[in-house]
PDB file of N, CA and C in Angstrom:
ATOM      1  N   MET A   1     157.338-121.513 147.555  1.00  0.00           N
ATOM      2  CA  MET A   1     158.653-121.043 147.955  1.00  0.00           C
ATOM      3  C   MET A   1     159.332-121.356 146.311  1.00  0.00           C
ATOM      4  N   SER A   2     160.829-120.659 146.503  1.00  0.00           N
ATOM      5  CA  SER A   2     161.507-120.810 145.765  1.00  0.00           C
ATOM      6  C   SER A   2     162.909-120.572 146.136  1.00  0.00           C
ATOM      7  N   PHE A   3     163.915-120.686 145.438  1.00  0.00           N
ATOM      8  CA  PHE A   3     165.669-120.272 145.800  1.00  0.00           C
ATOM      9  C   PHE A   3     165.736-118.618 146.011  1.00  0.00           C
ATOM     10  N   LYS A   4     166.607-118.850 147.024  1.00  0.00           N
ATOM     11  CA  LYS A   4     167.134-117.407 147.291  1.00  0.00           C
ATOM     12  C   LYS A   4     168.567-117.144 147.142  1.00  0.00           C
ATOM     13  N   LYS A   5     169.214-116.143 146.722  1.00  0.00           N
ATOM     14  CA  LYS A   5     170.488-116.144 146.429  1.00  0.00           C
ATOM     15  C   LYS A   5     171.550-116.287 147.673  1.00  0.00           C
ATOM     16  N   ALA A   6     172.665-116.641 147.659  1.00  0.00           N
ATOM     17  CA  ALA A   6     173.417-116.772 148.788  1.00  0.00           C
ATOM     18  C   ALA A   6     172.752-117.555 150.059  1.00  0.00           C
ATOM     19  N   THR A   7     172.556-118.742 149.774  1.00  0.00           N
ATOM     20  CA  THR A   7     171.686-119.767 150.831  1.00  0.00           C
ATOM     21  C   THR A   7     172.080-121.176 150.475  1.00  0.00           C
ATOM     22  N   VAL A   8     172.095-121.598 151.377  1.00  0.00           N
ATOM     23  CA  VAL A   8     172.567-123.268 151.380  1.00  0.00           C
ATOM     24  C   VAL A   8     171.434-123.970 152.133  1.00  0.00           C
ATOM     25  N   TYR A   9     171.086-125.238 151.243  1.00  0.00           N
ATOM     26  CA  TYR A   9     169.952-125.802 151.410  1.00  0.00           C
ATOM     27  C   TYR A   9     170.555-127.215 151.742  1.00  0.00           C
ATOM     28  N   ARG A  10     169.615-127.933 152.395  1.00  0.00           N
ATOM     29  CA  ARG A  10     169.906-129.589 152.381  1.00  0.00           C
ATOM     30  C   ARG A  10     169.207-129.991 151.448  1.00  0.00           C
ATOM     31  N   LEU A  11     170.026-131.079 150.832  1.00  0.00           N
ATOM     32  CA  LEU A  11     169.219-131.902 149.673  1.00  0.00           C
ATOM     33  C   LEU A  11     168.239-133.070 150.262  1.00  0.00           C
ATOM     34  N   LYS A  12     166.924-133.043 149.550  1.00  0.00           N
ATOM     35  CA  LYS A  12     166.167-134.276 150.149  1.00  0.00           C
ATOM     36  C   LYS A  12     166.532-135.474 150.325  1.00  0.00           C
ATOM     37  N   ASP A  13     167.657-135.744 149.080  1.00  0.00           N
ATOM     38  CA  ASP A  13     168.046-137.072 149.094  1.00  0.00           C
ATOM     39  C   ASP A  13     169.555-136.730 149.224  1.00  0.00           C
ATOM     40  N   PRO A  14     170.151-137.038 150.472  1.00  0.00           N
ATOM     41  CA  PRO A  14     171.519-136.649 151.053  1.00  0.00           C
ATOM     42  C   PRO A  14     172.575-137.418 150.353  1.00  0.00           C
ATOM     43  N   GLU A  15     172.206-138.680 149.768  1.00  0.00           N
ATOM     44  CA  GLU A  15     173.443-139.551 149.174  1.00  0.00           C
ATOM     45  C   GLU A  15     173.308-139.429 147.696  1.00  0.00           C
ATOM     46  N   ARG A  16     172.553-138.259 147.045  1.00  0.00           N
ATOM     47  CA  ARG A  16     172.485-138.051 145.504  1.00  0.00           C
ATOM     48  C   ARG A  16     173.812-138.008 145.053  1.00  0.00           C
ATOM     49  N   TYR A  17     174.554-137.116 145.735  1.00  0.00           N
ATOM     50  CA  TYR A  17     175.858-137.049 144.663  1.00  0.00           C
ATOM     51  C   TYR A  17     177.089-137.682 145.808  1.00  0.00           C
ATOM     52  N   ASP A  18     177.011-138.470 146.542  1.00  0.00           N
ATOM     53  CA  ASP A  18     178.077-139.517 147.060  1.00  0.00           C
ATOM     54  C   ASP A  18     178.374-140.163 146.053  1.00  0.00           C
ATOM     55  N   ASP A  19     179.893-140.617 146.038  1.00  0.00           N
ATOM     56  CA  ASP A  19     180.212-141.606 145.265  1.00  0.00           C
ATOM     57  C   ASP A  19     181.586-142.190 145.875  1.00  0.00           C
ATOM     58  N   GLU A  20     181.791-143.662 145.325  1.00  0.00           N
ATOM     59  CA  GLU A  20     183.319-144.074 146.204  1.00  0.00           C
ATOM     60  C   GLU A  20     184.464-143.131 145.518  1.00  0.00           C
ATOM     61  N   GLU A  21     184.516-142.622 144.327  1.00  0.00           N
ATOM     62  CA  GLU A  21     185.691-141.736 143.809  1.00  0.00           C
ATOM     63  C   GLU A  21     185.803-140.267 144.481  1.00  0.00           C
ATOM     64  N   PHE A  22     184.806-139.792 144.942  1.00  0.00           N
ATOM     65  CA  PHE A  22     184.995-138.383 145.813  1.00  0.00           C
ATOM     66  C   PHE A  22     184.447-138.334 147.375  1.00  0.00           C
ATOM     67  N   GLY A  23     183.905-139.337 147.482  1.00  0.00           N
ATOM     68  CA  GLY A  23     183.729-139.647 148.749  1.00  0.00           C
ATOM     69  C   GLY A  23     181.999-139.157 149.279  1.00  0.00           C
ATOM     70  N   GLU A  24     181.738-139.396 150.560  1.00  0.00           N
ATOM     71  CA  GLU A  24     180.338-138.931 150.996  1.00  0.00           C
ATOM     72  C   GLU A  24     180.274-137.428 151.863  1.00  0.00           C
ATOM     73  N   GLY A  25     178.859-137.401 152.062  1.00  0.00           N
ATOM     74  CA  GLY A  25     178.641-136.285 152.820  1.00  0.00           C
ATOM     75  C   GLY A  25     178.457-134.964 152.078  1.00  0.00           C
ATOM     76  N   PHE A  26     178.315-135.002 150.837  1.00  0.00           N
ATOM     77  CA  PHE A  26     177.901-133.661 149.972  1.00  0.00           C
ATOM     78  C   PHE A  26     176.433-133.793 149.900  1.00  0.00           C
ATOM     79  N   ASP A  27     175.883-133.457 151.209  1.00  0.00           N
ATOM     80  CA  ASP A  27     174.643-133.337 151.003  1.00  0.00           C
ATOM     81  C   ASP A  27     173.830-132.148 151.222  1.00  0.00           C
ATOM     82  N   HIS A  28     174.602-131.087 150.704  1.00  0.00           N
ATOM     83  CA  HIS A  28     173.687-129.747 150.657  1.00  0.00           C
ATOM     84  C   HIS A  28     174.267-129.056 149.235  1.00  0.00           C
ATOM     85  N   VAL A  29     173.421-127.941 148.998  1.00  0.00           N
ATOM     86  CA  VAL A  29     173.545-127.395 147.837  1.00  0.00           C
ATOM     87  C   VAL A  29     173.991-125.870 148.049  1.00  0.00           C
ATOM     88  N   GLU A  30     174.577-124.990 147.598  1.00  0.00           N
ATOM     89  CA  GLU A  30     174.571-123.694 147.985  1.00  0.00           C
ATOM     90  C   GLU A  30     174.512-122.865 146.628  1.00  0.00           C
ATOM     91  N   THR A  31     173.270-121.885 146.583  1.00  0.00           N
ATOM     92  CA  THR A  31     172.977-121.289 145.505  1.00  0.00           C
ATOM     93  C   THR A  31     173.998-120.459 144.734  1.00  0.00           C
ATOM     94  N   TYR A  32     174.028-120.235 143.457  1.00  0.00           N
ATOM     95  CA  TYR A  32     175.065-119.484 142.893  1.00  0.00           C
ATOM     96  C   TYR A  32     174.327-118.343 142.183  1.00  0.00           C
ATOM     97  N   GLY A  33     174.774-117.126 141.986  1.00  0.00           N
ATOM     98  CA  GLY A  33     174.531-116.142 141.398  1.00  0.00           C
ATOM     99  C   GLY A  33     172.993-115.414 142.083  1.00  0.00           C
ATOM    100  N   ASP A  34     172.593-114.640 141.191  1.00  0.00           N
ATOM    101  CA  ASP A  34     171.034-114.111 141.733  1.00  0.00           C
ATOM    102  C   ASP A  34     170.097-115.095 140.988  1.00  0.00           C
ATOM    103  N   CYS A  35     169.600-115.691 142.020  1.00  0.00           N
ATOM    104  CA  CYS A  35     168.666-116.823 141.737  1.00  0.00           C
ATOM    105  C   CYS A  35     167.235-116.416 142.585  1.00  0.00           C
ATOM    106  N   ASP A  36     167.127-115.370 142.822  1.00  0.00           N
ATOM    107  CA  ASP A  36     165.731-114.982 143.871  1.00  0.00           C
ATOM    108  C   ASP A  36     164.720-115.116 142.778  1.00  0.00           C
ATOM    109  N   GLY A  37     163.950-116.223 143.460  1.00  0.00           N
ATOM    110  CA  GLY A  37     162.454-116.594 142.857  1.00  0.00           C
ATOM    111  C   GLY A  37     162.299-117.381 141.906  1.00  0.00           C
ATOM    112  N   MET A  38     163.702-118.102 141.461  1.00  0.00           N
ATOM    113  CA  MET A  38     163.843-119.299 140.501  1.00  0.00           C
ATOM    114  C   MET A  38     163.537-120.632 141.268  1.00  0.00           C
ATOM    115  N   PHE A  39     162.946-121.360 140.306  1.00  0.00           N
ATOM    116  CA  PHE A  39     162.448-122.710 140.713  1.00  0.00           C
ATOM    117  C   PHE A  39     163.474-123.865 140.465  1.00  0.00           C
ATOM    118  N   ILE A  40     164.566-123.109 139.422  1.00  0.00           N
ATOM    119  CA  ILE A  40     165.630-124.227 139.021  1.00  0.00           C
ATOM    120  C   ILE A  40     166.584-123.323 138.983  1.00  0.00           C
ATOM    121  N   THR A  41     167.890-123.708 139.401  1.00  0.00           N
ATOM    122  CA  THR A  41     169.019-122.669 139.250  1.00  0.00           C
ATOM    123  C   THR A  41     170.349-123.322 139.675  1.00  0.00           C
ATOM    124  N   ASP A  42     171.511-122.734 139.318  1.00  0.00           N
ATOM    125  CA  ASP A  42     172.851-123.463 139.715  1.00  0.00           C
ATOM    126  C   ASP A  42     173.110-123.251 140.920  1.00  0.00           C
ATOM    127  N   CYS A  43     173.877-124.355 141.419  1.00  0.00           N
ATOM    128  CA  CYS A  43     174.031-124.606 142.885  1.00  0.00           C
ATOM    129  C   CYS A  43     175.590-125.508 142.749  1.00  0.00           C
ATOM    130  N   TRP A  44     176.081-124.965 143.766  1.00  0.00           N
ATOM    131  CA  TRP A  44     177.488-125.754 144.052  1.00  0.00           C
ATOM    132  C   TRP A  44     177.023-126.840 145.010  1.00  0.00           C
ATOM    133  N   VAL A  45     177.535-128.223 144.806  1.00  0.00           N
ATOM    134  CA  VAL A  45     177.359-129.268 145.585  1.00  0.00           C
ATOM    135  C   VAL A  45     178.222-129.052 146.755  1.00  0.00           C
ATOM    136  N   VAL A  46     177.971-129.128 148.130  1.00  0.00           N
ATOM    137  CA  VAL A  46     178.773-128.834 149.156  1.00  0.00           C
ATOM    138  C   VAL A  46     178.488-129.902 150.267  1.00  0.00           C
ATOM    139  N   ASN A  47     179.530-129.961 151.179  1.00  0.00           N
ATOM    140  CA  ASN A  47     179.225-130.443 152.422  1.00  0.00           C
ATOM    141  C   ASN A  47     179.064-129.609 153.241  1.00  0.00           C
ATOM    142  N   GLU A  48     178.704-130.060 154.557  1.00  0.00           N
ATOM    143  CA  GLU A  48     178.514-129.057 155.747  1.00  0.00           C
ATOM    144  C   GLU A  48     179.465-128.050 156.213  1.00  0.00           C
ATOM    145  N   LYS A  49     180.594-128.334 155.704  1.00  0.00           N
ATOM    146  CA  LYS A  49     181.646-127.142 155.792  1.00  0.00           C
ATOM    147  C   LYS A  49     181.659-126.311 154.771  1.00  0.00           C
ATOM    148  N   GLY A  50     181.124-126.449 153.754  1.00  0.00           N
ATOM    149  CA  GLY A  50     181.225-125.519 152.638  1.00  0.00           C
ATOM    150  C   GLY A  50     182.111-126.111 151.633  1.00  0.00           C
ATOM    151  N   ASP A  51     182.754-127.117 151.879  1.00  0.00           N
ATOM    152  CA  ASP A  51     183.551-127.307 150.655  1.00  0.00           C
ATOM    153  C   ASP A  51     183.083-128.314 149.287  1.00  0.00           C
ATOM    154  N   VAL A  52     183.638-127.777 148.199  1.00  0.00           N
ATOM    155  CA  VAL A  52     182.624-128.115 146.973  1.00  0.00           C
ATOM    156  C   VAL A  52     183.211-129.460 146.650  1.00  0.00           C
ATOM    157  N   HIS A  53     182.160-130.199 146.278  1.00  0.00           N
ATOM    158  CA  HIS A  53     182.065-131.562 145.559  1.00  0.00           C
ATOM    159  C   HIS A  53     183.336-131.566 144.648  1.00  0.00           C
ATOM    160  N   PRO A  54     184.445-132.488 144.943  1.00  0.00           N
ATOM    161  CA  PRO A  54     185.467-132.462 143.840  1.00  0.00           C
ATOM    162  C   PRO A  54     185.110-132.790 142.459  1.00  0.00           C
ATOM    163  N   GLY A  55     184.213-133.280 142.368  1.00  0.00           N
ATOM    164  CA  GLY A  55     183.716-133.906 140.728  1.00  0.00           C
ATOM    165  C   GLY A  55     183.136-132.862 140.057  1.00  0.00           C
ATOM    166  N   TYR A  56     182.370-131.813 141.013  1.00  0.00           N
ATOM    167  CA  TYR A  56     181.515-130.779 140.298  1.00  0.00           C
ATOM    168  C   TYR A  56     182.462-129.317 140.563  1.00  0.00           C
ATOM    169  N   GLU A  57     183.405-129.363 141.156  1.00  0.00           N
ATOM    170  CA  GLU A  57     184.398-128.138 141.284  1.00  0.00           C
ATOM    171  C   GLU A  57     184.335-126.971 140.240  1.00  0.00           C
ATOM    172  N   GLY A  58     184.250-127.854 138.912  1.00  0.00           N
ATOM    173  CA  GLY A  58     184.543-126.645 137.830  1.00  0.00           C
ATOM    174  C   GLY A  58     183.476-126.017 137.504  1.00  0.00           C
ATOM    175  N   SER A  59     182.162-126.341 137.973  1.00  0.00           N
ATOM    176  CA  SER A  59     181.094-125.625 137.817  1.00  0.00           C
ATOM    177  C   SER A  59     179.918-126.007 138.721  1.00  0.00           C
ATOM    178  N   PRO A  60     178.901-125.045 138.744  1.00  0.00           N
ATOM    179  CA  PRO A  60     177.659-125.221 139.628  1.00  0.00           C
ATOM    180  C   PRO A  60     176.775-126.223 138.620  1.00  0.00           C
ATOM    181  N   VAL A  61     175.968-126.846 139.183  1.00  0.00           N
ATOM    182  CA  VAL A  61     175.000-127.863 138.647  1.00  0.00           C
ATOM    183  C   VAL A  61     173.552-127.355 138.616  1.00  0.00           C
ATOM    184  N   PRO A  62     172.650-127.539 137.750  1.00  0.00           N
ATOM    185  CA  PRO A  62     171.417-127.184 137.954  1.00  0.00           C
ATOM    186  C   PRO A  62     170.383-128.051 139.003  1.00  0.00           C
ATOM    187  N   VAL A  63     169.853-127.395 139.707  1.00  0.00           N
ATOM    188  CA  VAL A  63     168.965-127.833 141.014  1.00  0.00           C
ATOM    189  C   VAL A  63     167.455-127.548 141.149  1.00  0.00           C
ATOM    190  N   ARG A  64     166.870-128.533 141.061  1.00  0.00           N
ATOM    191  CA  ARG A  64     165.104-128.046 140.994  1.00  0.00           C
ATOM    192  C   ARG A  64     164.935-127.712 142.393  1.00  0.00           C
ATOM    193  N   PHE A  65     164.068-126.682 142.760  1.00  0.00           N
ATOM    194  CA  PHE A  65     163.702-126.433 144.337  1.00  0.00           C
ATOM    195  C   PHE A  65     162.856-127.425 144.928  1.00  0.00           C
ATOM    196  N   ASP A  66     162.073-128.479 144.061  1.00  0.00           N
ATOM    197  CA  ASP A  66     161.560-129.733 144.683  1.00  0.00           C
ATOM    198  C   ASP A  66     162.422-130.716 145.211  1.00  0.00           C
ATOM    199  N   ASP A  67     163.943-130.820 144.646  1.00  0.00           N
ATOM    200  CA  ASP A  67     164.991-131.530 145.268  1.00  0.00           C
ATOM    201  C   ASP A  67     165.743-131.203 146.586  1.00  0.00           C
ATOM    202  N   VAL A  68     165.518-129.688 146.733  1.00  0.00           N
ATOM    203  CA  VAL A  68     165.937-129.369 148.192  1.00  0.00           C
ATOM    204  C   VAL A  68     164.968-129.177 149.454  1.00  0.00           C
ATOM    205  N   GLY A  69     165.363-129.271 150.391  1.00  0.00           N
ATOM    206  CA  GLY A  69     164.506-129.135 151.868  1.00  0.00           C
ATOM    207  C   GLY A  69     164.592-128.050 152.296  1.00  0.00           C
ATOM    208  N   GLU A  70     164.939-127.729 153.580  1.00  0.00           N
ATOM    209  CA  GLU A  70     164.868-126.635 154.325  1.00  0.00           C
ATOM    210  C   GLU A  70     166.372-125.884 154.035  1.00  0.00           C
ATOM    211  N   GLU A  71     166.079-124.702 154.221  1.00  0.00           N
ATOM    212  CA  GLU A  71     167.448-123.566 154.364  1.00  0.00           C
ATOM    213  C   GLU A  71     168.151-124.017 155.632  1.00  0.00           C
ATOM    214  N   THR A  72     169.303-123.615 155.715  1.00  0.00           N
ATOM    215  CA  THR A  72     170.163-124.006 156.575  1.00  0.00           C
ATOM    216  C   THR A  72     170.810-122.694 157.200  1.00  0.00           C
ATOM    217  N   ASP A  73     171.331-122.751 158.180  1.00  0.00           N
ATOM    218  CA  ASP A  73     171.940-121.363 158.858  1.00  0.00           C
ATOM    219  C   ASP A  73     173.534-121.565 158.623  1.00  0.00           C
ATOM    220  N   LEU A  74     173.762-122.745 157.759  1.00  0.00           N
ATOM    221  CA  LEU A  74     175.273-122.484 157.229  1.00  0.00           C
ATOM    222  C   LEU A  74     175.760-121.114 156.426  1.00  0.00           C
ATOM    223  N   GLU A  75     176.408-120.460 156.687  1.00  0.00           N
ATOM    224  CA  GLU A  75     177.125-119.290 155.913  1.00  0.00           C
ATOM    225  C   GLU A  75     177.430-120.011 154.483  1.00  0.00           C
ATOM    226  N   PRO A  76     177.148-119.508 153.475  1.00  0.00           N
ATOM    227  CA  PRO A  76     177.441-119.427 151.998  1.00  0.00           C
ATOM    228  C   PRO A  76     178.953-119.222 152.059  1.00  0.00           C
ATOM    229  N   VAL A  77     179.836-120.218 151.640  1.00  0.00           N
ATOM    230  CA  VAL A  77     181.360-119.758 151.294  1.00  0.00           C
ATOM    231  C   VAL A  77     181.644-119.700 150.003  1.00  0.00           C
ATOM    232  N   ASN A  78     180.806-119.897 148.972  1.00  0.00           N
ATOM    233  CA  ASN A  78     181.438-120.062 147.694  1.00  0.00           C
ATOM    234  C   ASN A  78     180.741-119.147 146.707  1.00  0.00           C
ATOM    235  N   ASN A  79     180.210-118.024 147.387  1.00  0.00           N
ATOM    236  CA  ASN A  79     179.469-116.929 146.421  1.00  0.00           C
ATOM    237  C   ASN A  79     180.103-116.411 145.431  1.00  0.00           C
ATOM    238  N   GLU A  80     181.487-116.018 145.907  1.00  0.00           N
ATOM    239  CA  GLU A  80     182.463-115.499 145.015  1.00  0.00           C
ATOM    240  C   GLU A  80     183.338-116.247 144.209  1.00  0.00           C
ATOM    241  N   ARG A  81     183.059-117.653 144.213  1.00  0.00           N
ATOM    242  CA  ARG A  81     183.686-118.791 143.368  1.00  0.00           C
ATOM    243  C   ARG A  81     183.032-118.438 142.084  1.00  0.00           C
ATOM    244  N   GLU A  82     183.777-118.614 140.917  1.00  0.00           N
ATOM    245  CA  GLU A  82     183.530-118.500 139.483  1.00  0.00           C
ATOM    246  C   GLU A  82     183.553-119.994 138.796  1.00  0.00           C
ATOM    247  N   ARG A  83     182.641-120.018 137.852  1.00  0.00           N
ATOM    248  CA  ARG A  83     182.863-121.309 137.049  1.00  0.00           C
ATOM    249  C   ARG A  83     183.765-121.404 136.212  1.00  0.00           C
ATOM    250  N   ALA A  84     184.310-122.627 135.963  1.00  0.00           N
ATOM    251  CA  ALA A  84     185.325-122.802 135.254  1.00  0.00           C
ATOM    252  C   ALA A  84     185.219-122.254 133.869  1.00  0.00           C
ATOM    253  N   ALA A  85     186.291-121.682 132.915  1.00  0.00           N
ATOM    254  CA  ALA A  85     185.914-121.171 131.730  1.00  0.00           C
ATOM    255  C   ALA A  85     185.947-122.145 130.379  1.00  0.00           C
ATOM    256  N   PHE A  86     186.205-123.566 130.989  1.00  0.00           N
ATOM    257  CA  PHE A  86     186.099-124.812 129.810  1.00  0.00           C
ATOM    258  C   PHE A  86     184.854-124.941 129.432  1.00  0.00           C
ATOM    259  N   GLY A  87     184.440-124.871 128.182  1.00  0.00           N
ATOM    260  CA  GLY A  87     183.151-125.164 127.856  1.00  0.00           C
ATOM    261  C   GLY A  87     182.277-123.995 127.702  1.00  0.00           C
ATOM    262  N   TRP A  88     182.610-122.692 128.260  1.00  0.00           N
ATOM    263  CA  TRP A  88     181.759-121.647 128.128  1.00  0.00           C
ATOM    264  C   TRP A  88     182.259-120.612 127.438  1.00  0.00           C
ATOM    265  N   ARG A  89     181.256-119.733 126.867  1.00  0.00           N
ATOM    266  CA  ARG A  89     181.761-118.821 125.860  1.00  0.00           C
ATOM    267  C   ARG A  89     181.160-117.720 126.252  1.00  0.00           C
TER     268      ARG A  89
END
């Protein structure tokens, strides 16, 4: 199996992106861009409502397919969200 575009997955480690500064509950990732068939791809770290983790809102982060569990029925809400321009050329 591999990633599909416009899909929300549960993280196998639901506490991976939890922290004191930005809160808890960011236990899902939403794929970014055309990632069909990829085993590592950029994803937005999100909670169950689709809110992007405040510490990672500037850019999606690379995620391995081995680190995600099942697909969810959650509707992706960040498909059109753009990466921050800072640091990209």
